[in-house]
Amino acid sequence: MSFTIVEPAPARLNRSELAVPGSNYRFIEKAADSAADVIFLDLEDAVAPDDKAQARRNIVKALNEIDFGKRVVSLRINGLDTHYMYRDVVEVIEQGGERLDLIMIPKVGTGADVYAVDMLVTQVEDAVGREKRIGFELIIETALGMANIDEIAAASARNESLHFGVADYAASTRARTTAIGGPNPLYGVLTDAPEGASGSGGARDFHWGDMWHYAIARMVVAARANGLRPVDGPFGDIRDAEGYTAQANRAAVLGCEGKWAIHPSQIELANRLFSPSEAEVGKAQRIIEAMAQAKKEGKGAVTLDGRLIDIASIRQAEVLVDKARQIAATD
């Protein structure tokens, strides 16, 4: 290990993150009864300009009156380039009590953006004597944000998670797509032509690729290097459970903690897909036990089920077992 020790963000389950427009109080009430790990109350994209003030009032009322149980509650504020942002922060913190856990900052472009919100949040917290410090969720959804992602991830001690905002990222990079997440039939490769064939005479297979692979992998590295949770963003087709499942699985394989749910039907999918199975947890526990026995015998590595396991295997196993404990405690 490096001599530089990475301090992890507070441990929170982040398998499913439900987006809820602040302009619809009934939706907020229903979200509080959902199985989502995190609920973010939205003041940005889901709220029309004329509804911003009422949405703030709805959120303040919800934070004071609705029982959110064990769910983590976040507030997505408007962008720093708008005149709504400072009121989002000031009014909700001043009037919303202690229930708010996180603030989600959209379209973060530089570390200075995070610093600016940190300064404002700190001042308002101090002014009202807030006891619980608010953490930050940061959405990487522009080319500028991706270019500065390491700086952004390290910009504040409040930072807890990085999220990939695929739709705005696509617009920012001028990607040739209008979908919100998912594959693109134009993004793929052809196999080589059969030997001896020339031109278009031979049959060739076309393999689709994941046009968002780099962005997700890059975000995961920046997040983990700074002790943050990487979270995959929205999948727009709420009717396509199989498509959502495929995108969530690839994000989980790359190291993401969870994925957004832009409709309640996606919550169960996210919770299941980002939870270790009983078989995985059982194997992880066997790895930990086998390595404990190896340590007693003075060995640094041992075989289990015909595979080599060592100290690195323990770290992987402990991650799975710890997540299983978190889930069991929440359930």
Protein backbone atom coordinates (compact mmCIF):
# COMPACT_ATOMS: atom_id res chain seq x y z
CA MET A 1 0.00 0.00 0.00
CA SER A 2 1.03 3.60 -0.54
CA PHE A 3 2.17 5.63 2.44
CA THR A 4 -0.71 7.97 1.48
CA ILE A 5 -3.79 6.61 3.23
CA VAL A 6 -7.14 7.35 1.58
CA GLU A 7 -9.86 8.15 4.10
CA PRO A 8 -13.20 6.71 2.95
CA ALA A 9 -16.37 8.78 2.92
CA PRO A 10 -19.02 7.93 5.52
CA ALA A 11 -20.37 4.44 4.90
CA ARG A 12 -23.82 4.67 3.32
CA LEU A 13 -25.75 2.23 1.21
CA ASN A 14 -25.99 3.76 -2.26
CA ARG A 15 -27.40 0.93 -4.39
CA SER A 16 -30.45 2.89 -5.58
CA GLU A 17 -30.78 6.67 -5.77
CA LEU A 18 -34.32 7.82 -6.50
CA ALA A 19 -34.86 11.14 -8.28
CA VAL A 20 -37.92 13.05 -7.03
CA PRO A 21 -39.06 16.46 -8.34
CA GLY A 22 -39.41 18.94 -5.50
CA SER A 23 -42.39 20.49 -7.26
CA ASN A 24 -44.56 17.40 -6.57
CA TYR A 25 -45.20 16.95 -2.84
CA ARG A 26 -47.16 13.74 -3.36
CA PHE A 27 -44.17 12.18 -5.13
CA ILE A 28 -41.98 13.12 -2.15
CA GLU A 29 -44.42 11.40 0.22
CA LYS A 30 -44.41 8.25 -1.91
CA ALA A 31 -40.61 8.28 -2.15
CA ALA A 32 -40.34 8.25 1.64
CA ASP A 33 -42.20 4.91 1.65
CA SER A 34 -40.04 3.41 -1.10
CA ALA A 35 -37.15 0.98 -0.76
CA ALA A 36 -34.60 3.43 -2.19
CA ASP A 37 -31.32 3.74 -0.31
CA VAL A 38 -30.99 7.43 -1.22
CA ILE A 39 -33.66 9.92 -2.26
CA PHE A 40 -32.61 13.12 -3.96
CA LEU A 41 -35.15 15.90 -3.91
CA ASP A 42 -34.65 17.80 -7.14
CA LEU A 43 -34.69 21.56 -7.60
CA GLU A 44 -32.81 21.50 -10.91
CA ASP A 45 -33.77 19.80 -14.19
CA ALA A 46 -37.11 18.34 -13.04
CA VAL A 47 -38.45 21.72 -11.89
CA ALA A 48 -39.58 24.48 -14.26
CA PRO A 49 -38.25 28.00 -13.57
CA ASP A 50 -41.65 29.27 -12.43
CA ASP A 51 -41.93 26.39 -9.95
CA LYS A 52 -38.53 26.75 -8.24
CA ALA A 53 -39.78 28.78 -5.25
CA GLN A 54 -42.70 26.45 -4.56
CA ALA A 55 -40.44 23.41 -4.93
CA ARG A 56 -38.15 24.83 -2.24
CA ARG A 57 -41.13 25.31 0.07
CA ASN A 58 -42.28 21.75 -0.63
CA ILE A 59 -38.86 20.37 0.26
CA VAL A 60 -38.62 22.40 3.46
CA LYS A 61 -42.07 21.16 4.47
CA ALA A 62 -41.13 17.55 3.62
CA LEU A 63 -37.90 17.68 5.62
CA ASN A 64 -39.80 18.94 8.66
CA GLU A 65 -42.91 16.74 8.42
CA ILE A 66 -42.23 13.49 6.50
CA ASP A 67 -40.65 10.45 8.13
CA PHE A 68 -37.96 9.27 5.69
CA GLY A 69 -36.92 6.43 7.99
CA LYS A 70 -33.41 5.11 7.36
CA ARG A 71 -33.24 6.53 3.85
CA VAL A 72 -30.52 9.03 3.05
CA VAL A 73 -32.00 12.34 1.88
CA SER A 74 -30.20 14.54 -0.63
CA LEU A 75 -31.02 17.88 -2.25
CA ARG A 76 -30.08 18.56 -5.88
CA ILE A 77 -29.52 22.29 -6.09
CA ASN A 78 -29.48 24.35 -9.27
CA GLY A 79 -26.24 25.01 -11.10
CA LEU A 80 -23.71 27.62 -10.03
CA ASP A 81 -24.38 29.50 -13.26
CA THR A 82 -27.97 30.27 -12.18
CA HIS A 83 -29.45 32.74 -9.73
CA TYR A 84 -31.44 29.96 -8.04
CA MET A 85 -28.54 28.14 -6.43
CA TYR A 86 -27.82 30.37 -3.44
CA ARG A 87 -31.47 30.42 -2.40
CA ASP A 88 -31.65 26.65 -2.73
CA VAL A 89 -28.83 26.32 -0.20
CA VAL A 90 -29.82 29.11 2.16
CA GLU A 91 -33.57 28.49 2.39
CA VAL A 92 -33.43 24.71 2.69
CA ILE A 93 -30.65 24.63 5.31
CA GLU A 94 -32.10 27.53 7.30
CA GLN A 95 -35.64 26.17 7.34
CA GLY A 96 -35.27 22.41 6.80
CA GLY A 97 -34.00 21.31 10.20
CA GLU A 98 -31.43 18.52 10.62
CA ARG A 99 -32.93 15.84 8.36
CA LEU A 100 -31.03 16.69 5.16
CA ASP A 101 -27.97 14.46 4.73
CA LEU A 102 -26.45 15.48 1.39
CA ILE A 103 -26.40 18.20 -1.25
CA MET A 104 -26.04 17.13 -4.88
CA ILE A 105 -24.12 19.65 -7.01
CA PRO A 106 -24.92 19.40 -10.74
CA LYS A 107 -22.59 20.02 -13.67
CA VAL A 108 -19.48 20.42 -11.54
CA GLY A 109 -16.74 21.72 -13.81
CA THR A 110 -13.83 22.59 -11.51
CA GLY A 111 -12.72 22.15 -7.94
CA ALA A 112 -13.55 25.83 -7.39
CA ASP A 113 -17.24 25.03 -7.99
CA VAL A 114 -17.19 22.63 -5.05
CA TYR A 115 -15.24 25.13 -2.94
CA ALA A 116 -17.85 27.81 -3.60
CA VAL A 117 -20.75 25.63 -2.47
CA ASP A 118 -18.72 24.41 0.51
CA MET A 119 -18.13 27.98 1.63
CA LEU A 120 -21.83 28.87 1.37
CA VAL A 121 -23.02 25.70 3.09
CA THR A 122 -20.50 26.18 5.91
CA GLN A 123 -21.65 29.74 6.51
CA VAL A 124 -25.33 28.80 6.63
CA GLU A 125 -24.69 25.76 8.85
CA ASP A 126 -22.73 27.93 11.28
CA ALA A 127 -25.38 30.64 11.25
CA VAL A 128 -28.20 28.25 12.22
CA GLY A 129 -26.06 26.11 14.53
CA ARG A 130 -26.62 22.95 12.54
CA GLU A 131 -25.23 19.90 14.34
CA LYS A 132 -25.04 17.41 11.45
CA ARG A 133 -22.61 18.32 8.68
CA ILE A 134 -24.01 18.00 5.16
CA GLY A 135 -22.07 15.88 2.67
CA PHE A 136 -21.72 16.47 -1.08
CA GLU A 137 -22.68 14.40 -4.11
CA LEU A 138 -21.04 15.65 -7.31
CA ILE A 139 -22.39 15.03 -10.79
CA ILE A 140 -19.82 14.74 -13.57
CA GLU A 141 -21.84 15.65 -16.66
CA THR A 142 -19.68 17.92 -18.79
CA ALA A 143 -16.42 17.64 -20.70
CA LEU A 144 -14.96 20.25 -18.33
CA GLY A 145 -15.95 18.19 -15.31
CA MET A 146 -14.43 15.02 -16.73
CA ALA A 147 -11.22 16.87 -17.58
CA ASN A 148 -10.96 18.12 -13.98
CA ILE A 149 -12.39 15.06 -12.24
CA ASP A 150 -9.40 14.39 -9.97
CA GLU A 151 -9.35 17.99 -8.75
CA ILE A 152 -13.11 17.88 -8.20
CA ALA A 153 -13.01 14.61 -6.25
CA ALA A 154 -10.45 16.08 -3.84
CA ALA A 155 -11.97 19.55 -3.55
CA SER A 156 -13.80 19.23 -0.21
CA ALA A 157 -13.85 17.12 2.92
CA ARG A 158 -17.64 17.07 2.46
CA ASN A 159 -17.37 15.03 -0.75
CA GLU A 160 -19.00 11.60 -0.54
CA SER A 161 -19.82 10.46 -4.07
CA LEU A 162 -19.31 11.06 -7.78
CA HIS A 163 -22.18 10.47 -10.23
CA PHE A 164 -22.13 10.16 -14.00
CA GLY A 165 -24.78 12.35 -15.66
CA VAL A 166 -24.95 10.70 -19.06
CA ALA A 167 -27.47 12.97 -20.82
CA ASP A 168 -25.77 16.30 -20.21
CA TYR A 169 -22.38 14.66 -20.73
CA ALA A 170 -23.52 13.49 -24.16
CA ALA A 171 -24.67 17.02 -25.00
CA SER A 172 -21.42 18.53 -23.71
CA THR A 173 -19.24 16.20 -25.77
CA ARG A 174 -21.52 16.48 -28.84
CA ALA A 175 -22.06 12.72 -28.80
CA ARG A 176 -24.34 11.46 -31.57
CA THR A 177 -27.17 10.22 -29.39
CA THR A 178 -30.46 11.45 -27.98
CA ALA A 179 -30.99 8.56 -25.56
CA ILE A 180 -30.39 8.84 -21.81
CA GLY A 181 -27.86 6.08 -21.22
CA GLY A 182 -27.75 2.73 -22.93
CA PRO A 183 -25.95 1.53 -26.06
CA ASN A 184 -25.85 3.05 -29.51
CA PRO A 185 -26.16 0.82 -32.62
CA LEU A 186 -23.55 2.92 -34.42
CA TYR A 187 -20.90 2.35 -31.74
CA GLY A 188 -19.28 -0.96 -32.60
CA VAL A 189 -16.65 -2.75 -34.62
CA LEU A 190 -16.61 -5.15 -37.55
CA THR A 191 -14.71 -8.40 -37.43
CA ASP A 192 -12.06 -8.86 -40.08
CA ALA A 193 -13.17 -10.14 -43.48
CA PRO A 194 -12.73 -13.88 -43.95
CA GLU A 195 -9.30 -14.80 -45.27
CA GLY A 196 -9.26 -14.64 -49.02
CA ALA A 197 -12.31 -12.37 -49.22
CA SER A 198 -11.95 -8.84 -50.50
CA GLY A 199 -14.13 -5.75 -50.32
CA SER A 200 -17.62 -6.52 -49.06
CA GLY A 201 -17.75 -10.02 -50.45
CA GLY A 202 -17.21 -11.85 -47.14
CA ALA A 203 -19.56 -12.11 -44.19
CA ARG A 204 -18.45 -10.02 -41.21
CA ASP A 205 -19.94 -9.73 -37.72
CA PHE A 206 -20.76 -6.39 -36.08
CA HIS A 207 -20.20 -6.16 -32.31
CA TRP A 208 -21.81 -3.38 -30.32
CA GLY A 209 -19.64 -1.56 -27.79
CA ASP A 210 -20.32 0.49 -24.66
CA MET A 211 -19.87 4.12 -25.62
CA TRP A 212 -19.87 5.16 -21.95
CA HIS A 213 -17.24 2.67 -20.77
CA TYR A 214 -14.41 5.20 -20.54
CA ALA A 215 -16.47 7.78 -18.67
CA ILE A 216 -17.70 5.30 -16.06
CA ALA A 217 -14.27 3.72 -15.58
CA ARG A 218 -12.62 7.15 -15.29
CA MET A 219 -15.16 8.25 -12.69
CA VAL A 220 -14.66 5.07 -10.66
CA VAL A 221 -10.90 5.59 -10.50
CA ALA A 222 -11.22 9.25 -9.42
CA ALA A 223 -13.83 8.36 -6.80
CA ARG A 224 -11.99 5.41 -5.29
CA ALA A 225 -8.67 7.28 -5.27
CA ASN A 226 -10.33 9.85 -3.01
CA GLY A 227 -12.43 7.51 -0.86
CA LEU A 228 -15.72 8.41 -2.58
CA ARG A 229 -18.62 6.28 -3.81
CA PRO A 230 -18.97 6.11 -7.63
CA VAL A 231 -22.61 5.98 -8.74
CA ASP A 232 -23.95 5.44 -12.26
CA GLY A 233 -26.61 7.90 -13.40
CA PRO A 234 -29.96 7.58 -15.16
CA PHE A 235 -31.28 5.11 -17.70
CA GLY A 236 -34.03 6.82 -19.63
CA ASP A 237 -36.23 3.98 -20.91
CA ILE A 238 -38.27 3.07 -17.84
CA ARG A 239 -40.02 0.28 -19.78
CA ASP A 240 -36.78 -1.55 -20.53
CA ALA A 241 -35.91 -3.50 -17.38
CA GLU A 242 -33.48 -5.69 -19.33
CA GLY A 243 -31.64 -2.66 -20.67
CA TYR A 244 -31.45 -1.13 -17.18
CA THR A 245 -30.15 -4.43 -15.84
CA ALA A 246 -27.41 -4.61 -18.47
CA GLN A 247 -26.25 -1.05 -17.79
CA ALA A 248 -26.32 -1.58 -14.01
CA ASN A 249 -24.36 -4.81 -14.25
CA ARG A 250 -21.62 -3.23 -16.35
CA ALA A 251 -21.41 -0.32 -13.86
CA ALA A 252 -21.19 -2.75 -10.93
CA VAL A 253 -18.46 -4.76 -12.66
CA LEU A 254 -16.46 -1.55 -13.15
CA GLY A 255 -16.78 -0.68 -9.44
CA CYS A 256 -19.89 1.49 -9.04
CA GLU A 257 -21.81 1.36 -5.77
CA GLY A 258 -25.22 1.87 -7.34
CA LYS A 259 -27.34 3.56 -9.98
CA TRP A 260 -30.05 6.19 -10.23
CA ALA A 261 -33.71 5.29 -10.39
CA ILE A 262 -35.69 7.88 -12.33
CA HIS A 263 -38.87 5.86 -11.80
CA PRO A 264 -39.92 3.78 -8.75
CA SER A 265 -39.92 0.63 -10.91
CA GLN A 266 -36.11 0.87 -11.15
CA ILE A 267 -35.53 0.83 -7.38
CA GLU A 268 -35.91 -2.91 -6.88
CA LEU A 269 -33.69 -3.58 -9.88
CA ALA A 270 -30.90 -1.38 -8.54
CA ASN A 271 -31.12 -2.78 -5.01
CA ARG A 272 -30.90 -6.35 -6.29
CA LEU A 273 -28.21 -5.78 -8.89
CA PHE A 274 -25.89 -3.89 -6.53
CA SER A 275 -26.32 -6.33 -3.64
CA PRO A 276 -23.92 -9.27 -3.34
CA SER A 277 -25.67 -12.61 -3.72
CA GLU A 278 -25.74 -15.19 -0.93
CA ALA A 279 -23.31 -17.31 -2.93
CA GLU A 280 -20.87 -14.40 -3.31
CA VAL A 281 -21.04 -13.55 0.39
CA GLY A 282 -20.61 -17.21 1.33
CA LYS A 283 -17.52 -17.53 -0.85
CA ALA A 284 -16.12 -14.28 0.57
CA GLN A 285 -16.53 -15.60 4.09
CA ARG A 286 -14.76 -18.84 3.13
CA ILE A 287 -11.87 -16.80 1.69
CA ILE A 288 -11.54 -14.84 4.94
CA GLU A 289 -11.60 -18.08 6.97
CA ALA A 290 -9.07 -19.78 4.69
CA MET A 291 -6.67 -16.86 4.90
CA ALA A 292 -7.05 -16.69 8.68
CA GLN A 293 -6.02 -20.34 8.83
CA ALA A 294 -3.12 -19.70 6.43
CA LYS A 295 -1.91 -16.87 8.66
CA LYS A 296 -1.85 -19.21 11.66
CA GLU A 297 0.26 -21.59 9.61
CA GLY A 298 2.65 -18.83 8.55
CA LYS A 299 1.53 -18.80 4.92
CA GLY A 300 0.93 -15.70 2.79
CA ALA A 301 -1.22 -17.46 0.22
CA VAL A 302 -3.32 -20.60 -0.07
CA THR A 303 -5.54 -22.35 -2.60
CA LEU A 304 -9.32 -22.51 -2.28
CA ASP A 305 -11.44 -24.42 -4.78
CA GLY A 306 -8.37 -24.76 -6.99
CA ARG A 307 -7.69 -20.99 -7.09
CA LEU A 308 -4.88 -19.02 -5.49
CA ILE A 309 -5.95 -16.55 -2.81
CA ASP A 310 -3.75 -14.07 -0.97
CA ILE A 311 -3.92 -10.82 1.00
CA ALA A 312 -5.54 -9.01 -1.94
CA SER A 313 -8.26 -11.67 -1.95
CA ILE A 314 -9.06 -10.83 1.67
CA ARG A 315 -9.55 -7.17 0.81
CA GLN A 316 -11.97 -8.09 -1.98
CA ALA A 317 -13.82 -10.51 0.30
CA GLU A 318 -14.09 -8.01 3.14
CA VAL A 319 -15.73 -5.47 0.80
CA LEU A 320 -18.48 -7.96 -0.05
CA VAL A 321 -19.03 -9.05 3.55
CA ASP A 322 -19.15 -5.44 4.80
CA LYS A 323 -21.75 -4.53 2.18
CA ALA A 324 -23.84 -7.55 3.13
CA ARG A 325 -23.76 -6.38 6.75
CA GLN A 326 -24.85 -2.88 5.73
CA ILE A 327 -27.76 -4.27 3.75
CA ALA A 328 -28.82 -6.58 6.58
CA ALA A 329 -28.75 -3.69 9.06
CA THR A 330 -30.90 -1.54 6.77
CA ASP A 331 -33.39 -4.29 5.98
